[in-house]
Structures are given as structure tokens and as C-alpha cells.
């Protein structure tokens, strides 16, 4: 039949168009599936610092000294807090912070940095961009449906849906149905 040829052409060409986004969504999906084990967008790093004893002064002056000594941009400082007489915390943008003993000058700097590539892939996958990207993602989803349907119907006979294909489709359907049954039982 002529429609099988058309399905093969559509499947092949649409597959080429969708390949990059399929890989991007797959990599991002694996990353965010394990979000309880790690942060797929940011890398948390801690480094020890030793500034020597912080000069006496008001709490604000001591915090300003620490910010200057660590060469931090004052615009990223969101506040500071003394837990006790000598333990200073300086809060920075995006959950970063400095934890320092002002008597010894020893402490830690916790910083966050974006994970290269994964941050961008997750931004696309989770559609945090909104706007026009929503339509691109919707078109991609429609493209995947077309790929699935044309893939099911482009072969005939014992290699097609009427033959062994139905068993593969049923096996693929059994996985989500099995998890849904398990979830609600």
C-alpha cells in the first residue's frame, strides 16, 4: 500500500528533526529522575578559608571585613547573622554562604555553580522558559506521537503490528499500566 511508504518517509524525516530534542529530553529526564540523590542544576562546593582573626568592631563592620577579605561582590550579600559571639554567617545569593569563626578567622565558603549543559537541558525539559518554548515543546510532543504511530503501522505481515509488533506494543503498555496498578493497590 502507498500509505506505508508515506509512513516510512514521515517517520524517517520527522525522526531526523526530533533526534536532538529526544536526546536532550532523555539526558535531562535521567538527571531529574535522581533529584533526591543530587542537584542536577547546581554543584555545591565548599572550600576552607583562613583569614586570620577578624578585627574588633560592630557586627556590621566585621561582616564587611569578611566580605572584603574574601573579595566577594557586596551586591550578592543578602545579609549576615552572628550565631554567637564569634560565629558569623554571611548569606549570599542563591543559597550560598560564608560560615566563619571571627576569633580564628577559619571557616568555609559554600558556593553554587551551574552544571554546564545539564542546567540548560533541564531548563528546556521542565519548561521554565514558558512563552514560545511551550509551543516548541508541544510540537515536539506531537512529533513523538506521530513517530510512535507511524512506527507501529509502517511494517506489514509478521514483522508488523498484526504479527510480532502487537507483543512489543503490549509489553510497552504493560510497564506504565503495571506501575499505575501498583501505585493504586
N, C-alpha and C. Protein backbone atom coordinates (compact mmCIF):
# COMPACT_ATOMS: atom_id res chain seq x y z
N UNK A 1 0.84 -1.19 0.00
CA UNK A 1 0.00 0.00 0.00
C UNK A 1 0.88 1.25 0.00
N UNK A 2 0.36 2.28 -0.56
CA UNK A 2 1.07 3.54 -0.68
C UNK A 2 1.24 4.24 0.67
N UNK A 3 0.30 4.07 1.59
CA UNK A 3 0.38 4.78 2.87
C UNK A 3 1.53 4.28 3.73
N UNK A 4 1.92 3.01 3.58
CA UNK A 4 3.07 2.51 4.33
C UNK A 4 4.35 3.23 3.89
N UNK A 5 4.48 3.47 2.62
CA UNK A 5 5.64 4.21 2.12
C UNK A 5 5.64 5.62 2.69
N UNK A 6 4.46 6.25 2.70
CA UNK A 6 4.34 7.60 3.26
C UNK A 6 4.71 7.59 4.76
N UNK A 7 4.25 6.58 5.51
CA UNK A 7 4.59 6.48 6.92
C UNK A 7 6.10 6.36 7.12
N UNK A 8 6.77 5.56 6.27
CA UNK A 8 8.22 5.41 6.38
C UNK A 8 8.93 6.73 6.12
N UNK A 9 8.48 7.47 5.13
CA UNK A 9 9.09 8.77 4.80
C UNK A 9 8.88 9.76 5.95
N UNK A 10 7.64 9.84 6.45
CA UNK A 10 7.34 10.76 7.55
C UNK A 10 8.13 10.35 8.80
N UNK A 11 8.15 9.07 9.09
CA UNK A 11 8.85 8.57 10.28
C UNK A 11 10.34 8.90 10.19
N UNK A 12 10.94 8.64 9.03
CA UNK A 12 12.38 8.90 8.85
C UNK A 12 12.69 10.39 8.98
N UNK A 13 11.98 11.24 8.25
CA UNK A 13 12.29 12.67 8.24
C UNK A 13 11.95 13.35 9.56
N UNK A 14 10.81 13.00 10.14
CA UNK A 14 10.45 13.57 11.44
C UNK A 14 11.41 13.08 12.52
N UNK A 15 11.88 11.85 12.40
CA UNK A 15 12.87 11.32 13.34
C UNK A 15 14.15 12.13 13.30
N UNK A 16 14.59 12.53 12.11
CA UNK A 16 15.78 13.37 12.00
C UNK A 16 15.56 14.72 12.68
N UNK A 17 14.37 15.29 12.50
CA UNK A 17 14.06 16.59 13.10
C UNK A 17 14.04 16.47 14.63
N UNK A 18 13.51 15.38 15.15
CA UNK A 18 13.32 15.22 16.60
C UNK A 18 14.52 14.66 17.34
N UNK A 19 15.55 14.21 16.65
CA UNK A 19 16.63 13.49 17.32
C UNK A 19 17.34 14.33 18.39
N UNK A 20 17.64 15.58 18.11
CA UNK A 20 18.37 16.40 19.09
C UNK A 20 17.54 16.63 20.34
N UNK A 21 16.25 16.96 20.17
CA UNK A 21 15.40 17.18 21.34
C UNK A 21 15.14 15.88 22.09
N UNK A 22 15.06 14.77 21.38
CA UNK A 22 14.87 13.49 22.06
C UNK A 22 16.05 13.19 22.97
N UNK A 23 17.26 13.41 22.48
CA UNK A 23 18.46 13.18 23.30
C UNK A 23 18.49 14.17 24.46
N UNK A 24 18.16 15.44 24.20
CA UNK A 24 18.17 16.45 25.27
C UNK A 24 17.17 16.09 26.36
N UNK A 25 15.95 15.72 25.97
CA UNK A 25 14.93 15.36 26.96
C UNK A 25 15.31 14.08 27.70
N UNK A 26 15.93 13.14 27.02
CA UNK A 26 16.33 11.89 27.67
C UNK A 26 17.42 12.13 28.72
N UNK A 27 18.44 12.90 28.36
CA UNK A 27 19.52 13.19 29.31
C UNK A 27 18.97 13.96 30.50
N UNK A 28 18.15 14.97 30.24
CA UNK A 28 17.54 15.75 31.32
C UNK A 28 16.63 14.88 32.17
N UNK A 29 15.88 14.00 31.55
CA UNK A 29 14.98 13.12 32.29
C UNK A 29 15.73 12.22 33.26
N UNK A 30 16.85 11.68 32.80
CA UNK A 30 17.66 10.84 33.69
C UNK A 30 18.18 11.68 34.85
N UNK A 31 18.63 12.89 34.55
CA UNK A 31 19.18 13.77 35.60
C UNK A 31 18.12 14.11 36.64
N UNK A 32 16.93 14.53 36.21
CA UNK A 32 15.92 14.95 37.19
C UNK A 32 15.24 13.76 37.87
N UNK A 33 15.31 12.59 37.28
CA UNK A 33 14.77 11.40 37.95
C UNK A 33 15.52 11.09 39.24
N UNK A 34 16.75 11.55 39.34
CA UNK A 34 17.58 11.26 40.52
C UNK A 34 17.82 12.50 41.37
N UNK A 35 16.83 13.39 41.37
CA UNK A 35 16.96 14.66 42.08
C UNK A 35 17.12 14.49 43.58
N UNK A 36 16.64 13.37 44.15
CA UNK A 36 16.83 13.15 45.58
C UNK A 36 18.26 12.75 45.91
N UNK A 37 19.04 12.35 44.91
CA UNK A 37 20.42 11.95 45.12
C UNK A 37 21.42 13.08 44.86
N UNK A 38 21.02 14.04 44.04
CA UNK A 38 21.92 15.14 43.69
C UNK A 38 21.12 16.26 43.07
N UNK A 39 21.71 17.41 42.96
CA UNK A 39 21.06 18.55 42.33
C UNK A 39 21.52 18.58 40.87
N UNK A 40 20.61 18.30 39.93
CA UNK A 40 21.03 18.23 38.53
C UNK A 40 21.33 19.59 37.91
N UNK A 41 20.95 20.67 38.56
CA UNK A 41 21.18 22.00 38.01
C UNK A 41 22.41 22.70 38.57
N UNK A 42 22.70 22.45 39.84
CA UNK A 42 23.78 23.18 40.51
C UNK A 42 24.74 22.24 41.22
N UNK A 43 25.97 22.68 41.30
CA UNK A 43 27.01 21.95 42.01
C UNK A 43 27.34 22.75 43.27
N UNK A 44 27.23 22.12 44.43
CA UNK A 44 27.55 22.75 45.71
C UNK A 44 29.00 22.42 46.05
N UNK A 45 29.78 23.46 46.29
CA UNK A 45 31.18 23.26 46.64
C UNK A 45 31.48 24.00 47.94
N UNK A 46 32.34 23.43 48.73
CA UNK A 46 32.78 24.06 49.97
C UNK A 46 34.29 24.17 49.93
N UNK A 47 34.77 25.32 50.36
CA UNK A 47 36.21 25.47 50.46
C UNK A 47 36.54 26.10 51.80
N UNK A 48 37.61 25.64 52.39
CA UNK A 48 38.04 26.18 53.67
C UNK A 48 38.76 27.50 53.45
N UNK A 49 38.57 28.42 54.39
CA UNK A 49 39.26 29.71 54.33
C UNK A 49 39.89 29.98 55.70
N UNK A 50 40.97 30.74 55.67
CA UNK A 50 41.63 31.17 56.90
C UNK A 50 42.06 32.62 56.70
N UNK A 51 41.28 33.53 57.26
CA UNK A 51 41.55 34.96 57.11
C UNK A 51 42.35 35.54 58.26
N UNK A 52 42.61 34.74 59.27
CA UNK A 52 43.20 35.26 60.49
C UNK A 52 42.10 35.93 61.31
N UNK A 53 42.38 36.27 62.54
CA UNK A 53 41.35 36.86 63.39
C UNK A 53 40.74 38.12 62.76
N UNK A 54 39.43 38.23 62.88
CA UNK A 54 38.71 39.39 62.32
C UNK A 54 38.84 40.54 63.32
N UNK A 55 39.23 41.74 62.84
CA UNK A 55 39.39 42.88 63.75
C UNK A 55 38.10 43.18 64.52
N UNK A 56 38.28 43.67 65.74
CA UNK A 56 37.12 44.02 66.57
C UNK A 56 36.34 45.15 65.91
N UNK A 57 35.08 45.19 66.21
CA UNK A 57 34.20 46.22 65.68
C UNK A 57 32.76 45.78 65.82
N UNK A 58 31.87 46.55 65.24
CA UNK A 58 30.46 46.15 65.28
C UNK A 58 30.29 44.91 64.42
N UNK A 59 29.16 44.26 64.60
CA UNK A 59 28.88 43.07 63.78
C UNK A 59 28.89 43.44 62.30
N UNK A 60 28.32 44.57 61.95
CA UNK A 60 28.28 45.01 60.55
C UNK A 60 29.69 45.26 60.02
N UNK A 61 30.57 45.86 60.84
CA UNK A 61 31.95 46.11 60.41
C UNK A 61 32.71 44.80 60.23
N UNK A 62 32.48 43.84 61.13
CA UNK A 62 33.15 42.55 61.00
C UNK A 62 32.67 41.82 59.74
N UNK A 63 31.36 41.86 59.49
CA UNK A 63 30.82 41.23 58.28
C UNK A 63 31.40 41.90 57.04
N UNK A 64 31.50 43.23 57.04
CA UNK A 64 32.07 43.96 55.90
C UNK A 64 33.53 43.58 55.68
N UNK A 65 34.28 43.40 56.78
CA UNK A 65 35.68 42.99 56.67
C UNK A 65 35.79 41.61 56.01
N UNK A 66 34.95 40.68 56.44
CA UNK A 66 34.98 39.32 55.87
C UNK A 66 34.64 39.36 54.39
N UNK A 67 33.62 40.13 54.01
CA UNK A 67 33.22 40.24 52.60
C UNK A 67 34.39 40.81 51.78
N UNK A 68 35.05 41.84 52.31
CA UNK A 68 36.18 42.44 51.59
C UNK A 68 37.36 41.48 51.53
N UNK A 69 37.67 40.81 52.64
CA UNK A 69 38.81 39.89 52.67
C UNK A 69 38.62 38.71 51.72
N UNK A 70 37.39 38.27 51.54
CA UNK A 70 37.11 37.16 50.63
C UNK A 70 36.88 37.63 49.20
N UNK A 71 36.97 38.94 48.99
CA UNK A 71 36.77 39.54 47.66
C UNK A 71 35.41 39.17 47.08
N UNK A 72 34.40 39.22 47.93
CA UNK A 72 33.03 38.94 47.49
C UNK A 72 32.41 40.23 46.98
N UNK A 73 31.58 40.12 45.98
CA UNK A 73 30.84 41.27 45.47
C UNK A 73 29.78 41.64 46.50
N UNK A 74 29.82 42.85 47.06
CA UNK A 74 28.83 43.23 48.08
C UNK A 74 27.39 43.15 47.58
N UNK A 75 27.18 43.19 46.27
CA UNK A 75 25.82 43.13 45.73
C UNK A 75 25.20 41.74 45.87
N UNK A 76 26.03 40.69 46.07
CA UNK A 76 25.49 39.35 46.25
C UNK A 76 25.24 39.00 47.71
N UNK A 77 25.64 39.93 48.62
CA UNK A 77 25.42 39.70 50.06
C UNK A 77 23.97 40.01 50.38
N UNK A 78 23.28 39.03 50.97
CA UNK A 78 21.86 39.18 51.31
C UNK A 78 21.65 39.42 52.80
N UNK A 79 22.71 39.33 53.57
CA UNK A 79 22.59 39.57 55.00
C UNK A 79 23.66 38.83 55.76
N UNK A 80 23.71 39.09 57.06
CA UNK A 80 24.65 38.38 57.92
C UNK A 80 23.99 38.16 59.27
N UNK A 81 24.55 37.20 59.99
CA UNK A 81 23.95 36.79 61.26
C UNK A 81 25.05 36.22 62.15
N UNK A 82 25.08 36.65 63.39
CA UNK A 82 26.01 36.07 64.36
C UNK A 82 25.25 35.04 65.19
N UNK A 83 25.68 33.77 65.07
CA UNK A 83 25.04 32.70 65.85
C UNK A 83 25.40 32.81 67.32
N UNK A 84 26.62 33.26 67.58
CA UNK A 84 27.08 33.52 68.95
C UNK A 84 28.13 34.63 68.85
N UNK A 85 28.90 34.82 69.88
CA UNK A 85 29.86 35.94 69.91
C UNK A 85 30.89 35.90 68.79
N UNK A 86 31.26 34.69 68.32
CA UNK A 86 32.33 34.61 67.32
C UNK A 86 31.95 33.88 66.03
N UNK A 87 30.75 33.37 65.94
CA UNK A 87 30.37 32.59 64.75
C UNK A 87 29.51 33.45 63.82
N UNK A 88 30.09 33.80 62.68
CA UNK A 88 29.44 34.69 61.70
C UNK A 88 29.00 33.90 60.49
N UNK A 89 27.80 34.16 60.06
CA UNK A 89 27.32 33.64 58.78
C UNK A 89 26.98 34.82 57.89
N UNK A 90 27.50 34.78 56.67
CA UNK A 90 27.18 35.80 55.67
C UNK A 90 26.40 35.08 54.57
N UNK A 91 25.18 35.53 54.34
CA UNK A 91 24.31 34.91 53.34
C UNK A 91 24.47 35.60 52.01
N UNK A 92 24.63 34.79 50.97
CA UNK A 92 24.83 35.30 49.62
C UNK A 92 23.68 34.85 48.72
N UNK A 93 23.67 35.34 47.50
CA UNK A 93 22.65 34.94 46.53
C UNK A 93 22.58 33.42 46.37
N UNK A 94 21.41 32.95 46.00
CA UNK A 94 21.17 31.56 45.58
C UNK A 94 21.62 30.52 46.62
N UNK A 95 21.44 30.82 47.90
CA UNK A 95 21.73 29.85 48.93
C UNK A 95 23.19 29.68 49.28
N UNK A 96 24.05 30.51 48.73
CA UNK A 96 25.47 30.45 49.05
C UNK A 96 25.71 31.15 50.39
N UNK A 97 26.78 30.75 51.07
CA UNK A 97 27.04 31.39 52.36
C UNK A 97 28.49 31.23 52.79
N UNK A 98 28.87 32.10 53.72
CA UNK A 98 30.17 32.03 54.38
C UNK A 98 29.89 31.75 55.84
N UNK A 99 30.63 30.80 56.41
CA UNK A 99 30.50 30.41 57.82
C UNK A 99 31.89 30.59 58.41
N UNK A 100 32.02 31.48 59.40
CA UNK A 100 33.36 31.84 59.86
C UNK A 100 33.41 32.04 61.37
N UNK A 101 34.49 31.57 61.97
CA UNK A 101 34.78 31.86 63.38
C UNK A 101 35.62 33.14 63.38
N UNK A 102 35.08 34.24 63.89
CA UNK A 102 35.77 35.52 63.82
C UNK A 102 37.00 35.57 64.72
N UNK A 103 37.06 34.74 65.75
CA UNK A 103 38.22 34.73 66.65
C UNK A 103 39.44 34.12 65.96
N UNK A 104 39.23 33.07 65.16
CA UNK A 104 40.35 32.41 64.49
C UNK A 104 40.46 32.81 63.02
N UNK A 105 39.35 33.23 62.44
CA UNK A 105 39.34 33.56 61.01
C UNK A 105 39.20 32.35 60.12
N UNK A 106 38.95 31.20 60.72
CA UNK A 106 38.79 29.97 59.94
C UNK A 106 37.31 29.72 59.68
N UNK A 107 37.03 29.21 58.50
CA UNK A 107 35.64 28.91 58.16
C UNK A 107 35.52 28.25 56.81
N UNK A 108 34.32 28.30 56.29
CA UNK A 108 34.02 27.68 54.99
C UNK A 108 33.21 28.63 54.15
N UNK A 109 33.44 28.52 52.85
CA UNK A 109 32.63 29.24 51.87
C UNK A 109 31.89 28.19 51.06
N UNK A 110 30.57 28.27 51.08
CA UNK A 110 29.74 27.36 50.29
C UNK A 110 29.27 28.11 49.07
N UNK A 111 29.58 27.56 47.90
CA UNK A 111 29.18 28.21 46.65
C UNK A 111 28.39 27.24 45.78
N UNK A 112 27.55 27.81 44.96
CA UNK A 112 26.79 27.06 43.97
C UNK A 112 27.24 27.50 42.59
N UNK A 113 27.38 26.54 41.69
CA UNK A 113 27.66 26.88 40.30
C UNK A 113 26.77 26.02 39.41
N UNK A 114 26.39 26.59 38.31
CA UNK A 114 25.53 25.85 37.38
C UNK A 114 26.30 24.69 36.78
N UNK A 115 25.60 23.58 36.62
CA UNK A 115 26.19 22.44 35.93
C UNK A 115 26.09 22.72 34.43
N UNK A 116 27.24 22.74 33.78
CA UNK A 116 27.28 23.02 32.34
C UNK A 116 26.42 22.01 31.59
N UNK A 117 25.71 22.45 30.64
CA UNK A 117 24.83 21.69 29.75
C UNK A 117 23.58 21.19 30.47
N UNK A 118 23.73 20.52 31.60
CA UNK A 118 22.56 19.98 32.30
C UNK A 118 21.60 21.09 32.73
N UNK A 119 22.12 22.21 33.20
CA UNK A 119 21.25 23.32 33.61
C UNK A 119 20.37 23.74 32.43
N UNK A 120 20.97 23.91 31.27
CA UNK A 120 20.23 24.35 30.09
C UNK A 120 19.23 23.28 29.62
N UNK A 121 19.67 22.02 29.61
CA UNK A 121 18.76 20.94 29.20
C UNK A 121 17.56 20.84 30.14
N UNK A 122 17.81 20.96 31.45
CA UNK A 122 16.72 20.89 32.41
C UNK A 122 15.78 22.09 32.28
N UNK A 123 16.33 23.24 31.94
CA UNK A 123 15.50 24.43 31.71
C UNK A 123 14.53 24.18 30.56
N UNK A 124 15.02 23.56 29.49
CA UNK A 124 14.15 23.24 28.36
C UNK A 124 13.14 22.15 28.75
N UNK A 125 13.63 21.08 29.35
CA UNK A 125 12.78 19.94 29.68
C UNK A 125 11.66 20.32 30.65
N UNK A 126 11.99 21.09 31.67
CA UNK A 126 11.00 21.46 32.68
C UNK A 126 10.20 22.70 32.28
N UNK A 127 10.49 23.25 31.12
CA UNK A 127 9.79 24.40 30.55
C UNK A 127 9.74 25.59 31.51
N UNK A 128 10.86 25.91 32.11
CA UNK A 128 10.90 27.09 32.96
C UNK A 128 10.96 28.37 32.13
N UNK A 129 11.20 28.23 30.84
CA UNK A 129 11.23 29.39 29.94
C UNK A 129 9.83 29.92 29.64
N UNK A 130 8.87 29.02 29.62
CA UNK A 130 7.47 29.34 29.26
C UNK A 130 7.43 30.02 27.88
N UNK A 131 6.43 30.83 27.63
CA UNK A 131 6.32 31.58 26.38
C UNK A 131 6.39 30.70 25.15
N UNK A 132 7.19 31.12 24.17
CA UNK A 132 7.29 30.43 22.88
C UNK A 132 7.80 29.01 23.04
N UNK A 133 8.65 28.76 24.07
CA UNK A 133 9.18 27.40 24.24
C UNK A 133 8.06 26.40 24.50
N UNK A 134 6.97 26.83 25.12
CA UNK A 134 5.83 25.93 25.37
C UNK A 134 5.32 25.36 24.06
N UNK A 135 5.25 26.19 23.02
CA UNK A 135 4.76 25.73 21.72
C UNK A 135 5.76 24.80 21.04
N UNK A 136 7.05 25.08 21.22
CA UNK A 136 8.07 24.18 20.67
C UNK A 136 7.96 22.82 21.35
N UNK A 137 7.82 22.81 22.68
CA UNK A 137 7.69 21.55 23.42
C UNK A 137 6.42 20.80 23.02
N UNK A 138 5.33 21.53 22.82
CA UNK A 138 4.09 20.90 22.38
C UNK A 138 4.24 20.27 20.99
N UNK A 139 4.89 20.99 20.08
CA UNK A 139 5.13 20.44 18.73
C UNK A 139 6.03 19.21 18.81
N UNK A 140 7.00 19.24 19.68
CA UNK A 140 7.87 18.08 19.86
C UNK A 140 7.06 16.89 20.37
N UNK A 141 6.17 17.12 21.33
CA UNK A 141 5.32 16.04 21.86
C UNK A 141 4.43 15.46 20.76
N UNK A 142 3.86 16.33 19.94
CA UNK A 142 3.04 15.86 18.81
C UNK A 142 3.91 15.06 17.85
N UNK A 143 5.13 15.54 17.60
CA UNK A 143 6.05 14.80 16.74
C UNK A 143 6.35 13.41 17.28
N UNK A 144 6.50 13.28 18.59
CA UNK A 144 6.74 11.96 19.18
C UNK A 144 5.54 11.03 19.01
N UNK A 145 4.34 11.60 19.12
CA UNK A 145 3.13 10.79 18.89
C UNK A 145 3.09 10.31 17.45
N UNK A 146 3.40 11.20 16.52
CA UNK A 146 3.43 10.82 15.10
C UNK A 146 4.49 9.76 14.86
N UNK A 147 5.65 9.91 15.46
CA UNK A 147 6.70 8.89 15.32
C UNK A 147 6.24 7.54 15.85
N UNK A 148 5.56 7.55 17.00
CA UNK A 148 5.08 6.29 17.58
C UNK A 148 4.05 5.63 16.67
N UNK A 149 3.11 6.42 16.18
CA UNK A 149 2.05 5.84 15.34
C UNK A 149 2.57 5.38 13.99
N UNK A 150 3.40 6.19 13.34
CA UNK A 150 3.92 5.77 12.04
C UNK A 150 4.84 4.57 12.20
N UNK A 151 5.59 4.51 13.31
CA UNK A 151 6.46 3.37 13.57
C UNK A 151 5.67 2.08 13.73
N UNK A 152 4.48 2.19 14.36
CA UNK A 152 3.66 0.99 14.56
C UNK A 152 3.06 0.46 13.27
N UNK A 153 2.76 1.34 12.34
CA UNK A 153 2.00 0.93 11.16
C UNK A 153 2.79 0.88 9.86
N UNK A 154 4.08 1.13 9.87
CA UNK A 154 4.79 1.15 8.59
C UNK A 154 5.24 -0.23 8.12
N UNK A 155 5.26 -1.21 9.01
CA UNK A 155 5.61 -2.57 8.60
C UNK A 155 4.34 -3.41 8.45
N UNK A 156 4.38 -4.40 7.59
CA UNK A 156 3.21 -5.28 7.43
C UNK A 156 3.63 -6.73 7.65
N UNK A 157 2.61 -7.58 7.75
CA UNK A 157 2.87 -9.01 7.88
C UNK A 157 3.33 -9.40 9.27
N UNK A 158 4.15 -10.44 9.34
CA UNK A 158 4.58 -10.97 10.63
C UNK A 158 5.56 -10.03 11.37
N UNK A 159 6.15 -9.06 10.66
CA UNK A 159 7.04 -8.08 11.31
C UNK A 159 6.30 -6.81 11.71
N UNK A 160 5.04 -6.70 11.33
CA UNK A 160 4.25 -5.52 11.62
C UNK A 160 3.40 -5.67 12.88
N UNK A 161 2.45 -4.75 13.01
CA UNK A 161 1.59 -4.74 14.19
C UNK A 161 0.72 -5.99 14.27
N UNK A 162 0.32 -6.50 13.14
CA UNK A 162 -0.51 -7.71 13.14
C UNK A 162 0.28 -8.95 13.54
N UNK A 163 1.61 -8.90 13.38
CA UNK A 163 2.46 -10.02 13.76
C UNK A 163 3.07 -9.79 15.13
N UNK A 164 4.41 -9.83 15.18
CA UNK A 164 5.09 -9.71 16.46
C UNK A 164 5.02 -8.30 17.06
N UNK A 165 4.69 -7.31 16.26
CA UNK A 165 4.59 -5.94 16.74
C UNK A 165 3.61 -5.76 17.87
N UNK A 166 2.50 -6.50 17.81
CA UNK A 166 1.49 -6.35 18.87
C UNK A 166 2.03 -6.77 20.24
N UNK A 167 2.94 -7.74 20.25
CA UNK A 167 3.50 -8.18 21.52
C UNK A 167 4.44 -7.12 22.11
N UNK A 168 5.18 -6.45 21.24
CA UNK A 168 6.04 -5.36 21.71
C UNK A 168 5.22 -4.18 22.21
N UNK A 169 4.14 -3.85 21.50
CA UNK A 169 3.26 -2.76 21.94
C UNK A 169 2.65 -3.12 23.30
N UNK A 170 2.17 -4.34 23.45
CA UNK A 170 1.59 -4.77 24.73
C UNK A 170 2.63 -4.77 25.85
N UNK A 171 3.85 -5.19 25.55
CA UNK A 171 4.92 -5.16 26.56
C UNK A 171 5.22 -3.72 26.98
N UNK A 172 5.26 -2.82 26.02
CA UNK A 172 5.49 -1.41 26.33
C UNK A 172 4.35 -0.81 27.13
N UNK A 173 3.12 -1.22 26.85
CA UNK A 173 1.95 -0.74 27.57
C UNK A 173 1.89 -1.33 28.98
N UNK A 174 2.38 -2.55 29.13
CA UNK A 174 2.32 -3.22 30.43
C UNK A 174 3.16 -2.50 31.49
N UNK A 175 4.22 -1.87 31.09
CA UNK A 175 5.10 -1.20 32.06
C UNK A 175 4.36 -0.06 32.78
N UNK A 176 3.83 0.96 32.07
CA UNK A 176 3.14 2.02 32.82
C UNK A 176 1.86 1.53 33.50
N UNK A 177 1.14 0.63 32.85
CA UNK A 177 -0.09 0.10 33.47
C UNK A 177 0.26 -0.65 34.76
N UNK A 178 1.33 -1.44 34.73
CA UNK A 178 1.77 -2.17 35.92
C UNK A 178 2.11 -1.23 37.07
N UNK A 179 2.81 -0.15 36.75
CA UNK A 179 3.16 0.81 37.81
C UNK A 179 1.93 1.54 38.34
N UNK A 180 0.98 1.85 37.48
CA UNK A 180 -0.25 2.52 37.92
C UNK A 180 -1.06 1.59 38.82
N UNK A 181 -1.17 0.33 38.44
CA UNK A 181 -1.87 -0.66 39.27
C UNK A 181 -1.17 -0.79 40.62
N UNK A 182 0.15 -0.88 40.60
CA UNK A 182 0.91 -0.97 41.85
C UNK A 182 0.71 0.27 42.71
N UNK A 183 0.68 1.45 42.09
CA UNK A 183 0.53 2.70 42.81
C UNK A 183 -0.82 2.79 43.53
N UNK A 184 -1.87 2.29 42.91
CA UNK A 184 -3.21 2.41 43.48
C UNK A 184 -3.70 1.15 44.19
N UNK A 185 -2.81 0.18 44.39
CA UNK A 185 -3.26 -1.03 45.10
C UNK A 185 -2.75 -1.06 46.52
